[in-house]
Amino acid sequence: MATPPDPAKSGSSAVAPGDVATDGGAVTTPDGAGTAPTGEAIPAIGGAARGGTTRGGAAKPPAYETRALEVRLGGQLVLGPIDLQIAQGAFVGILGPNGSGKTTLLRALTGGVRPSAGEILLHERPLGEYRAAELARIAGVVPQQFHLDFNFTVEEMVAMGRYAQDAPAGDGEAVAAALRATGMTDLTARLITGLSGGERQRALIAQTLAQQTPVLLLDEPLNNLDLNHQLEIMQLLSRLNTEGRTIAVVLHDLNIAAQYCHELVLLDRGRLAARGTPSDILDPKTILEVFKARVTVHRQGPRPYLTPVWSRAPEDNQAVERRVHVIAGGDAASGLLEELVAHGFTPTVGIVSVFDSDYAVAERYELDVVSAPPFEPFPQEVVQEFDSLTDEAEVIIVAPVFFGRGNIAPLRTALQACRAGKKVVVITDPPITERDLSGGEACALVSELLAAGAIEVADAAQALEAASATPSQT
């Protein structure tokens, strides 16, 4: 087993205790041994179990807390003010467009940049009170940029992660386990200078694992990695977090962040734009506001998945200025509402029950929605509110709702609007014959709508196209 080289003598930026912010730190769990992608065990350090309480039941203090944190570079405010807590045992993804302050925030947490205002607490103690070596035993760091021009082998570089530890007897086991965890065992004798970008990145992560700290901070650790190694690293981080380690990671891939992180911090122009679970904050409206990108959010599983929407830029698309009302109910319009919002529309919705999925989607995007109690005819005042929204709308879209005697009124209103010359779009798949619970009235009204000039479409995508079309295109 190689003796850990002295980074101070070598000039390496790897894990010198005096240069925590830019060095490849490391990690270990407070609670148990980890496992590599191959199933190998990763040595761990003792500590409290993952979660928000100690074994005695008392609430644990946060791993990190920032209070009115501000960072200025060259006299310019680039971050803040930020008030943030990262709980012990949390798995937090830090997201945001380029220049939003992600790396600056992470560097501040490592001590690499000093706050211009506010403070940072690590385990309830001001970060500035920690000695460099002491900090290196608590928080391991994988930086975004890493340069090492000396001819160290992979094993020697990973062994640098043990520099700040006071347990030389465990060095060999820790280094070997870190190499196994990152799939680097076959490359131990290779020189760092001869590795590919992805191999260097994995060696740096291995060095951080060998350091065995309860907190792990990673700045875009998936850079230069192909897909299988990206997934291996994220699965490894997930296992380490399950065993108790606190992880904060800067990521660019929103879908990877959504699948692996338990909580997301979204930055925009140096400010905290949103924070919450992936399901809480990854929605088309927020993504459009922060990333200026249009997406559709799929929620078939427990975690959201985003796909891009290919559409004209808003400044070239006058259609989004139109007022669109969606006749919804149940979950008949959920996908349609997602598509409309993703394309820049701000539709109104109704009449729906407060227990409907369509109502939940409308509330999530803060849309104007008309609601009524379930399982009873719509009250007159609700119908009047609905009529007011449809009067203001330029386009009415009838979603494939199940119509009964209690909710037939919106369909009658749509027919009146169509006869008055308003654009009405009717989604007819599944057929109205399969959704008519009104004794035939719904079928009759849909037939009259189509005869009066309503546009028949099969699905949400076609409805969106019809709503976006100018009169000359319809």
Protein backbone atom coordinates (compact mmCIF):
# COMPACT_ATOMS: atom_id res chain seq x y z
CA MET A 1 0.00 0.00 0.00
CA ALA A 2 1.41 3.39 -0.96
CA THR A 3 2.24 5.92 1.72
CA PRO A 4 0.03 9.00 1.23
CA PRO A 5 2.14 11.67 -0.49
CA ASP A 6 2.40 15.05 1.21
CA PRO A 7 0.31 17.44 -0.93
CA ALA A 8 2.10 20.45 0.52
CA LYS A 9 5.41 19.14 -0.84
CA SER A 10 4.05 17.91 -4.14
CA GLY A 11 2.15 21.06 -5.04
CA SER A 12 -0.98 18.99 -5.57
CA SER A 13 -4.36 20.65 -5.26
CA ALA A 14 -5.83 17.39 -4.07
CA VAL A 15 -6.54 17.30 -0.34
CA ALA A 16 -4.14 19.55 1.45
CA PRO A 17 -5.81 20.53 4.72
CA GLY A 18 -4.93 24.14 4.11
CA ASP A 19 -6.72 24.25 0.77
CA VAL A 20 -10.05 22.60 1.38
CA ALA A 21 -12.09 24.63 -1.08
CA THR A 22 -10.32 23.59 -4.26
CA ASP A 23 -9.13 20.17 -3.29
CA GLY A 24 -10.61 16.77 -3.84
CA GLY A 25 -11.91 15.95 -0.41
CA ALA A 26 -13.66 12.80 0.60
CA VAL A 27 -16.49 11.16 2.42
CA THR A 28 -17.79 8.57 4.81
CA THR A 29 -21.04 7.92 6.55
CA PRO A 30 -21.76 8.60 10.20
CA ASP A 31 -23.72 5.45 10.40
CA GLY A 32 -22.55 2.37 8.60
CA ALA A 33 -20.48 0.74 5.91
CA GLY A 34 -21.29 1.57 2.30
CA THR A 35 -21.19 -0.64 -0.75
CA ALA A 36 -19.63 -0.13 -4.14
CA PRO A 37 -21.40 -0.79 -7.46
CA THR A 38 -19.75 -4.20 -7.28
CA GLY A 39 -21.20 -4.85 -3.82
CA GLU A 40 -17.92 -4.23 -2.01
CA ALA A 41 -18.15 -2.71 1.48
CA ILE A 42 -16.97 0.83 2.15
CA PRO A 43 -15.59 1.44 5.65
CA ALA A 44 -17.66 3.89 7.68
CA ILE A 45 -17.33 6.00 10.79
CA GLY A 46 -19.71 5.90 13.73
CA GLY A 47 -22.46 8.42 14.39
CA ALA A 48 -26.17 9.15 14.46
CA ALA A 49 -28.60 7.46 12.15
CA ARG A 50 -29.87 9.24 9.06
CA GLY A 51 -32.78 11.55 9.68
CA GLY A 52 -33.76 14.56 11.70
CA THR A 53 -33.38 13.18 15.22
CA THR A 54 -30.71 11.55 17.33
CA ARG A 55 -31.08 8.07 18.74
CA GLY A 56 -32.41 9.67 21.92
CA GLY A 57 -35.19 11.30 19.95
CA ALA A 58 -33.95 14.91 20.17
CA ALA A 59 -33.83 16.99 17.01
CA LYS A 60 -30.38 17.07 15.41
CA PRO A 61 -28.91 20.45 14.49
CA PRO A 62 -28.49 21.05 10.75
CA ALA A 63 -25.24 20.05 9.13
CA TYR A 64 -25.03 23.46 7.47
CA GLU A 65 -26.90 26.69 8.02
CA THR A 66 -26.45 29.96 6.17
CA ARG A 67 -27.87 33.18 7.60
CA ALA A 68 -28.27 36.15 5.25
CA LEU A 69 -25.21 34.84 3.37
CA GLU A 70 -23.81 37.18 0.73
CA VAL A 71 -20.74 36.76 -1.45
CA ARG A 72 -19.18 39.56 -3.48
CA LEU A 73 -16.50 38.99 -6.09
CA GLY A 74 -14.71 42.01 -7.46
CA GLY A 75 -17.13 44.21 -5.56
CA GLN A 76 -20.15 42.69 -7.30
CA LEU A 77 -22.83 40.77 -5.41
CA VAL A 78 -22.86 37.28 -6.97
CA LEU A 79 -24.73 35.38 -4.27
CA GLY A 80 -27.31 36.24 -1.70
CA PRO A 81 -28.77 36.96 0.59
CA ILE A 82 -29.25 33.23 1.18
CA ASP A 83 -30.95 31.70 4.22
CA LEU A 84 -30.59 27.93 3.98
CA GLN A 85 -30.40 24.84 6.14
CA ILE A 86 -29.03 21.46 5.09
CA ALA A 87 -30.13 18.80 7.55
CA GLN A 88 -27.82 16.07 8.75
CA GLY A 89 -28.37 13.05 6.53
CA ALA A 90 -29.89 15.13 3.72
CA PHE A 91 -29.32 14.48 0.01
CA VAL A 92 -29.60 17.94 -1.55
CA GLY A 93 -29.22 18.81 -5.21
CA ILE A 94 -28.18 22.38 -6.04
CA LEU A 95 -29.56 23.46 -9.40
CA GLY A 96 -29.70 26.58 -11.52
CA PRO A 97 -28.65 28.00 -14.88
CA ASN A 98 -25.07 29.00 -15.60
CA GLY A 99 -24.03 31.96 -13.49
CA SER A 100 -26.75 31.41 -10.90
CA GLY A 101 -24.29 30.99 -8.03
CA LYS A 102 -24.22 27.21 -7.58
CA THR A 103 -20.43 26.86 -7.44
CA THR A 104 -20.10 30.02 -5.36
CA LEU A 105 -22.53 28.63 -2.79
CA LEU A 106 -20.67 25.32 -2.63
CA ARG A 107 -17.30 27.07 -2.33
CA ALA A 108 -18.69 29.18 0.50
CA LEU A 109 -19.78 26.02 2.31
CA THR A 110 -16.27 24.59 1.96
CA GLY A 111 -14.58 27.76 3.19
CA GLY A 112 -13.13 28.47 -0.23
CA VAL A 113 -14.67 31.94 -0.43
CA ARG A 114 -15.38 34.21 2.51
CA PRO A 115 -18.88 35.65 3.00
CA SER A 116 -19.14 39.38 2.40
CA ALA A 117 -22.06 39.42 4.82
CA GLY A 118 -23.97 36.94 6.94
CA GLU A 119 -22.57 33.72 8.32
CA ILE A 120 -22.21 29.99 7.71
CA LEU A 121 -22.57 27.46 10.51
CA LEU A 122 -21.29 23.90 10.31
CA HIS A 123 -22.79 21.75 13.06
CA GLU A 124 -23.88 25.00 14.80
CA ARG A 125 -20.34 26.36 14.86
CA PRO A 126 -19.17 29.26 12.67
CA LEU A 127 -17.31 27.87 9.68
CA GLY A 128 -14.46 30.34 10.14
CA GLU A 129 -13.63 28.89 13.56
CA TYR A 130 -12.59 25.52 12.11
CA ARG A 131 -8.94 24.82 11.48
CA ALA A 132 -8.26 23.57 7.96
CA ALA A 133 -7.34 20.04 9.04
CA GLU A 134 -10.35 19.88 11.33
CA LEU A 135 -12.65 20.96 8.51
CA ALA A 136 -11.10 18.40 6.17
CA ARG A 137 -12.12 15.65 8.60
CA ILE A 138 -15.76 16.78 8.49
CA ALA A 139 -16.49 17.87 4.92
CA GLY A 140 -15.06 16.20 1.84
CA VAL A 141 -15.05 18.15 -1.42
CA VAL A 142 -15.13 17.14 -5.08
CA PRO A 143 -14.37 20.37 -6.99
CA GLN A 144 -15.57 21.22 -10.47
CA GLN A 145 -12.08 21.85 -11.80
CA PHE A 146 -9.03 19.82 -10.86
CA HIS A 147 -5.47 20.01 -12.14
CA LEU A 148 -2.67 17.63 -11.19
CA ASP A 149 0.46 17.69 -13.32
CA PHE A 150 2.66 15.44 -11.17
CA ASN A 151 3.16 11.80 -12.08
CA PHE A 152 1.29 10.26 -9.18
CA THR A 153 -0.37 6.92 -9.68
CA VAL A 154 -4.09 6.57 -9.15
CA GLU A 155 -3.45 4.74 -5.89
CA GLU A 156 -1.15 7.50 -4.65
CA MET A 157 -3.65 10.18 -5.54
CA VAL A 158 -6.50 8.39 -3.78
CA ALA A 159 -4.24 7.88 -0.75
CA MET A 160 -3.98 11.67 -0.45
CA GLY A 161 -7.51 11.52 0.87
CA ARG A 162 -6.12 10.05 4.08
CA TYR A 163 -3.83 13.03 4.74
CA ALA A 164 -6.09 14.74 7.29
CA GLN A 165 -7.13 11.57 9.10
CA ASP A 166 -5.58 10.41 12.36
CA ALA A 167 -6.02 6.69 11.70
CA PRO A 168 -3.07 5.49 9.57
CA ALA A 169 -3.85 1.88 10.42
CA GLY A 170 -7.01 2.15 8.34
CA ASP A 171 -5.44 3.88 5.34
CA GLY A 172 -4.98 0.78 3.21
CA GLU A 173 -8.51 -0.50 3.72
CA ALA A 174 -10.06 2.93 3.10
CA VAL A 175 -8.14 3.48 -0.13
CA ALA A 176 -8.86 0.00 -1.46
CA ALA A 177 -12.57 0.34 -0.69
CA ALA A 178 -12.73 3.75 -2.39
CA LEU A 179 -11.06 2.35 -5.50
CA ARG A 180 -13.54 -0.52 -5.62
CA ALA A 181 -16.49 1.81 -5.08
CA THR A 182 -15.59 3.91 -8.11
CA GLY A 183 -14.53 1.04 -10.37
CA MET A 184 -10.88 2.15 -10.37
CA THR A 185 -9.22 -1.01 -9.02
CA ASP A 186 -7.79 -1.98 -12.41
CA LEU A 187 -6.24 1.47 -12.83
CA THR A 188 -4.36 1.75 -9.52
CA ALA A 189 -0.90 1.70 -11.14
CA ARG A 190 -1.78 4.12 -13.95
CA LEU A 191 -0.40 7.65 -13.84
CA ILE A 192 -2.97 10.38 -13.29
CA THR A 193 -1.53 12.35 -16.21
CA GLY A 194 -2.37 9.46 -18.55
CA LEU A 195 -6.05 9.14 -17.62
CA SER A 196 -9.02 10.31 -19.60
CA GLY A 197 -11.19 13.11 -18.23
CA GLY A 198 -13.79 10.66 -16.98
CA GLU A 199 -11.17 8.43 -15.33
CA ARG A 200 -9.65 11.44 -13.58
CA GLN A 201 -13.06 12.42 -12.30
CA ARG A 202 -13.64 8.96 -10.83
CA ALA A 203 -10.17 9.01 -9.26
CA LEU A 204 -11.00 12.33 -7.63
CA ILE A 205 -14.26 10.95 -6.26
CA ALA A 206 -12.36 7.90 -4.97
CA GLN A 207 -9.93 10.21 -3.20
CA THR A 208 -12.87 11.93 -1.54
CA LEU A 209 -14.37 8.61 -0.46
CA ALA A 210 -11.05 7.59 1.08
CA GLN A 211 -11.06 10.73 3.20
CA GLN A 212 -14.07 9.37 5.13
CA THR A 213 -16.01 12.45 6.22
CA PRO A 214 -19.64 12.65 7.35
CA VAL A 215 -20.38 15.47 4.89
CA LEU A 216 -19.77 15.33 1.14
CA LEU A 217 -19.89 18.40 -1.13
CA LEU A 218 -19.64 17.79 -4.88
CA ASP A 219 -19.51 20.36 -7.67
CA GLU A 220 -20.75 18.80 -10.90
CA PRO A 221 -19.20 15.38 -10.20
CA LEU A 222 -20.71 13.90 -13.38
CA ASN A 223 -18.62 16.08 -15.70
CA ASN A 224 -16.81 14.05 -18.38
CA LEU A 225 -18.50 10.80 -17.31
CA ASP A 226 -20.35 8.60 -19.75
CA LEU A 227 -23.88 7.54 -18.87
CA ASN A 228 -23.12 4.27 -17.09
CA HIS A 229 -20.54 5.92 -14.82
CA GLN A 230 -22.90 8.83 -14.14
CA LEU A 231 -25.52 6.39 -12.90
CA GLU A 232 -22.95 4.40 -10.90
CA ILE A 233 -21.77 7.55 -9.12
CA MET A 234 -25.32 8.70 -8.34
CA GLN A 235 -26.27 5.23 -7.09
CA LEU A 236 -23.16 5.23 -4.92
CA LEU A 237 -24.06 8.63 -3.47
CA SER A 238 -27.59 7.41 -2.83
CA ARG A 239 -26.30 4.42 -0.87
CA LEU A 240 -23.89 6.57 1.12
CA ASN A 241 -26.73 8.91 1.97
CA THR A 242 -28.94 6.03 3.05
CA GLU A 243 -26.20 5.06 5.47
CA GLY A 244 -26.13 8.52 7.02
CA ARG A 245 -23.85 10.83 5.09
CA THR A 246 -24.94 14.36 4.34
CA ILE A 247 -24.61 15.09 0.63
CA ALA A 248 -24.92 18.36 -1.28
CA VAL A 249 -24.24 18.11 -5.00
CA VAL A 250 -24.30 20.64 -7.82
CA LEU A 251 -25.92 19.12 -10.90
CA HIS A 252 -26.90 20.29 -14.37
CA ASP A 253 -29.11 17.35 -15.32
CA LEU A 254 -32.54 18.06 -13.83
CA ASN A 255 -33.78 14.52 -14.43
CA ILE A 256 -30.84 12.93 -12.63
CA ALA A 257 -31.35 15.38 -9.76
CA ALA A 258 -35.06 14.51 -9.63
CA GLN A 259 -34.40 10.78 -9.55
CA TYR A 260 -31.73 10.72 -6.84
CA CYS A 261 -31.95 13.82 -4.64
CA HIS A 262 -34.46 14.06 -1.82
CA GLU A 263 -34.47 17.84 -1.81
CA LEU A 264 -33.55 20.47 -4.38
CA VAL A 265 -32.24 24.01 -3.99
CA LEU A 266 -32.88 26.12 -7.08
CA LEU A 267 -30.76 29.25 -7.59
CA ASP A 268 -31.39 32.05 -10.07
CA ARG A 269 -29.10 35.08 -10.49
CA GLY A 270 -27.56 34.49 -7.09
CA ARG A 271 -30.87 34.25 -5.26
CA LEU A 272 -32.77 31.30 -3.80
CA ALA A 273 -35.58 30.80 -6.33
CA ALA A 274 -37.16 27.67 -4.85
CA ARG A 275 -36.53 24.85 -2.43
CA GLY A 276 -38.38 21.61 -1.84
CA THR A 277 -38.79 18.06 -3.07
CA PRO A 278 -38.37 17.39 -6.79
CA SER A 279 -42.15 17.08 -7.13
CA ASP A 280 -42.61 20.42 -5.38
CA ILE A 281 -40.41 22.60 -7.54
CA LEU A 282 -39.83 20.88 -10.89
CA ASP A 283 -42.87 22.17 -12.75
CA PRO A 284 -43.15 23.86 -16.17
CA LYS A 285 -43.84 27.30 -14.71
CA THR A 286 -40.76 27.31 -12.46
CA ILE A 287 -38.50 25.82 -15.14
CA LEU A 288 -39.67 28.45 -17.63
CA GLU A 289 -39.07 31.29 -15.16
CA VAL A 290 -35.61 30.14 -14.06
CA PHE A 291 -34.14 28.29 -17.07
CA LYS A 292 -36.16 30.02 -19.83
CA ALA A 293 -36.94 26.56 -21.17
CA ARG A 294 -40.28 24.93 -21.88
CA VAL A 295 -40.74 21.41 -20.57
CA THR A 296 -43.46 18.88 -19.97
CA VAL A 297 -43.41 17.22 -16.56
CA HIS A 298 -44.39 13.55 -16.43
CA ARG A 299 -45.56 12.22 -13.07
CA GLN A 300 -46.38 8.57 -13.66
CA GLY A 301 -43.96 7.49 -10.93
CA PRO A 302 -43.12 8.92 -7.52
CA ARG A 303 -40.60 11.35 -9.02
CA PRO A 304 -41.09 13.79 -11.90
CA TYR A 305 -39.41 13.40 -15.28
CA LEU A 306 -38.94 16.32 -17.65
CA THR A 307 -38.96 16.34 -21.45
CA PRO A 308 -38.34 19.43 -23.59
CA VAL A 309 -41.13 21.09 -25.53
CA TRP A 310 -40.10 22.14 -29.01
CA SER A 311 -41.96 25.35 -29.77
CA ARG A 312 -41.40 28.81 -31.14
CA ALA A 313 -39.92 31.36 -28.79
CA PRO A 314 -42.56 33.39 -26.93
CA GLU A 315 -41.67 36.61 -28.74
CA ASP A 316 -42.54 34.91 -32.05
CA ASN A 317 -45.71 33.29 -30.78
CA GLN A 318 -48.59 35.70 -30.31
CA ALA A 319 -50.89 32.78 -29.49
CA VAL A 320 -49.78 32.67 -25.86
CA GLU A 321 -51.45 36.06 -25.37
CA ARG A 322 -54.83 34.44 -25.96
CA ARG A 323 -57.10 33.67 -23.05
CA VAL A 324 -57.90 29.97 -23.03
CA HIS A 325 -60.47 28.29 -20.80
CA VAL A 326 -60.39 24.53 -20.25
CA ILE A 327 -63.56 22.65 -19.34
CA ALA A 328 -62.06 20.02 -17.07
CA GLY A 329 -62.95 17.39 -14.50
CA GLY A 330 -61.41 14.34 -12.83
CA ASP A 331 -57.99 14.03 -14.44
CA ALA A 332 -59.25 14.61 -17.98
CA ALA A 333 -57.32 17.86 -18.45
CA SER A 334 -54.19 17.35 -16.33
CA GLY A 335 -51.88 16.64 -19.26
CA LEU A 336 -53.48 19.37 -21.36
CA LEU A 337 -52.95 21.95 -18.61
CA GLU A 338 -49.29 20.91 -18.30
CA GLU A 339 -48.84 21.35 -22.07
CA LEU A 340 -50.57 24.74 -22.13
CA VAL A 341 -48.46 26.09 -19.27
CA ALA A 342 -45.29 24.67 -20.81
CA HIS A 343 -46.06 26.57 -24.03
CA GLY A 344 -46.59 29.85 -22.22
CA PHE A 345 -50.38 29.94 -21.92
CA THR A 346 -52.09 30.85 -18.66
CA PRO A 347 -55.41 29.00 -19.00
CA THR A 348 -58.41 29.26 -16.73
CA VAL A 349 -60.03 26.05 -15.54
CA GLY A 350 -63.43 24.80 -14.46
CA ILE A 351 -65.76 23.62 -13.27
CA VAL A 352 -63.92 20.99 -11.21
CA SER A 353 -64.19 19.31 -7.83
CA VAL A 354 -61.58 20.24 -5.25
CA PHE A 355 -60.72 16.52 -5.14
CA ASP A 356 -59.96 16.31 -8.87
CA SER A 357 -56.44 15.92 -10.21
CA ASP A 358 -57.25 18.75 -12.61
CA TYR A 359 -57.88 21.02 -9.62
CA ALA A 360 -54.52 20.05 -8.11
CA VAL A 361 -52.70 20.88 -11.36
CA ALA A 362 -54.49 24.24 -11.61
CA GLU A 363 -53.56 25.06 -8.02
CA ARG A 364 -49.94 24.06 -8.59
CA TYR A 365 -49.62 26.57 -11.42
CA GLU A 366 -51.73 29.19 -9.64
CA LEU A 367 -54.31 29.24 -12.43
CA ASP A 368 -57.75 30.78 -12.05
CA VAL A 369 -60.00 27.82 -11.33
CA VAL A 370 -63.72 27.48 -10.66
CA SER A 371 -64.44 24.67 -8.20
CA ALA A 372 -67.52 23.11 -6.68
CA PRO A 373 -68.34 20.43 -4.10
CA PRO A 374 -68.20 16.88 -5.49
CA PHE A 375 -71.13 14.56 -6.23
CA GLU A 376 -73.83 17.23 -6.46
CA PRO A 377 -75.17 19.65 -9.11
CA PHE A 378 -73.15 22.83 -9.57
CA PRO A 379 -74.53 25.74 -7.49
CA GLN A 380 -75.82 28.69 -9.50
CA GLU A 381 -73.12 31.06 -8.23
CA VAL A 382 -70.44 28.61 -9.41
CA VAL A 383 -72.01 28.44 -12.86
CA GLN A 384 -72.09 32.24 -13.00
CA GLU A 385 -68.39 32.41 -12.13
CA PHE A 386 -67.69 29.83 -14.83
CA ASP A 387 -69.74 31.80 -17.38
CA SER A 388 -67.69 34.90 -16.55
CA LEU A 389 -64.41 33.12 -17.34
CA THR A 390 -65.72 31.65 -20.59
CA ASP A 391 -67.02 35.08 -21.64
CA GLU A 392 -63.49 36.47 -21.25
CA ALA A 393 -61.85 33.52 -23.03
CA GLU A 394 -60.96 33.64 -26.72
CA VAL A 395 -60.69 29.85 -26.93
CA ILE A 396 -62.59 27.16 -25.02
CA ILE A 397 -61.18 23.64 -24.91
CA VAL A 398 -63.49 20.81 -23.85
CA ALA A 399 -61.40 18.05 -22.24
CA PRO A 400 -62.57 14.40 -22.41
CA VAL A 401 -64.59 14.67 -19.21
CA PHE A 402 -67.17 12.15 -18.01
CA PHE A 403 -70.40 14.19 -18.16
CA GLY A 404 -73.37 13.44 -15.94
CA ARG A 405 -76.48 15.42 -15.09
CA GLY A 406 -74.63 17.24 -12.32
CA ASN A 407 -71.77 18.61 -14.47
CA ILE A 408 -73.45 19.05 -17.86
CA ALA A 409 -73.81 22.85 -17.55
CA PRO A 410 -70.30 23.70 -18.90
CA LEU A 411 -71.04 21.73 -22.07
CA ARG A 412 -74.20 23.79 -22.64
CA THR A 413 -72.19 26.98 -22.16
CA ALA A 414 -69.60 25.79 -24.69
CA LEU A 415 -72.35 25.25 -27.26
CA GLN A 416 -73.72 28.75 -26.71
CA ALA A 417 -70.22 30.22 -27.10
CA CYS A 418 -69.59 28.26 -30.28
CA ARG A 419 -72.86 29.46 -31.82
CA ALA A 420 -71.84 33.02 -30.90
CA GLY A 421 -68.66 32.65 -32.96
CA LYS A 422 -66.11 31.77 -30.28
CA LYS A 423 -63.44 29.17 -31.06
CA VAL A 424 -64.29 25.91 -29.27
CA VAL A 425 -62.00 22.87 -29.40
CA VAL A 426 -63.43 19.48 -28.43
CA ILE A 427 -61.22 16.49 -27.56
CA THR A 428 -63.21 13.44 -28.65
CA ASP A 429 -60.92 10.58 -27.64
CA PRO A 430 -62.17 8.56 -25.84
CA PRO A 431 -65.52 8.92 -27.63
CA ILE A 432 -68.28 10.82 -25.87
CA THR A 433 -70.44 7.70 -26.08
CA GLU A 434 -68.10 6.11 -23.51
CA ARG A 435 -68.23 9.19 -21.26
CA ASP A 436 -71.91 10.10 -21.37
CA LEU A 437 -73.51 9.51 -17.97
CA SER A 438 -76.29 12.04 -18.60
CA GLY A 439 -78.78 9.83 -20.39
CA GLY A 440 -77.70 10.97 -23.85
CA GLU A 441 -77.64 14.74 -23.36
CA ALA A 442 -73.82 14.93 -23.45
CA CYS A 443 -73.73 13.02 -26.75
CA ALA A 444 -76.32 15.36 -28.21
CA LEU A 445 -74.49 18.48 -27.05
CA VAL A 446 -71.16 17.32 -28.50
CA SER A 447 -72.85 16.53 -31.82
CA GLU A 448 -74.40 20.01 -31.85
CA LEU A 449 -71.03 21.55 -30.99
CA LEU A 450 -69.33 19.89 -33.94
CA ALA A 451 -72.20 20.83 -36.24
CA ALA A 452 -71.89 24.45 -35.07
CA GLY A 453 -68.23 24.59 -36.10
CA ALA A 454 -66.31 23.37 -33.05
CA ILE A 455 -62.89 21.94 -33.89
CA GLU A 456 -62.64 18.20 -33.25
CA VAL A 457 -59.25 16.90 -32.08
CA ALA A 458 -58.01 13.58 -30.72
CA ASP A 459 -55.67 14.59 -27.91
CA ALA A 460 -53.99 17.34 -25.90
CA ALA A 461 -51.28 17.94 -28.50
CA GLN A 462 -53.83 18.57 -31.24
CA ALA A 463 -55.87 20.75 -28.88
CA LEU A 464 -52.77 22.85 -28.19
CA GLU A 465 -52.12 23.19 -31.91
CA ALA A 466 -55.72 24.25 -32.54
CA ALA A 467 -55.63 26.79 -29.70
CA SER A 468 -52.38 28.24 -31.04
CA ALA A 469 -53.57 28.54 -34.64
CA THR A 470 -54.59 31.93 -36.03
CA PRO A 471 -58.06 32.25 -37.58
CA SER A 472 -56.55 31.88 -41.06
CA GLN A 473 -54.97 28.58 -40.02
CA THR A 474 -58.18 26.98 -38.71
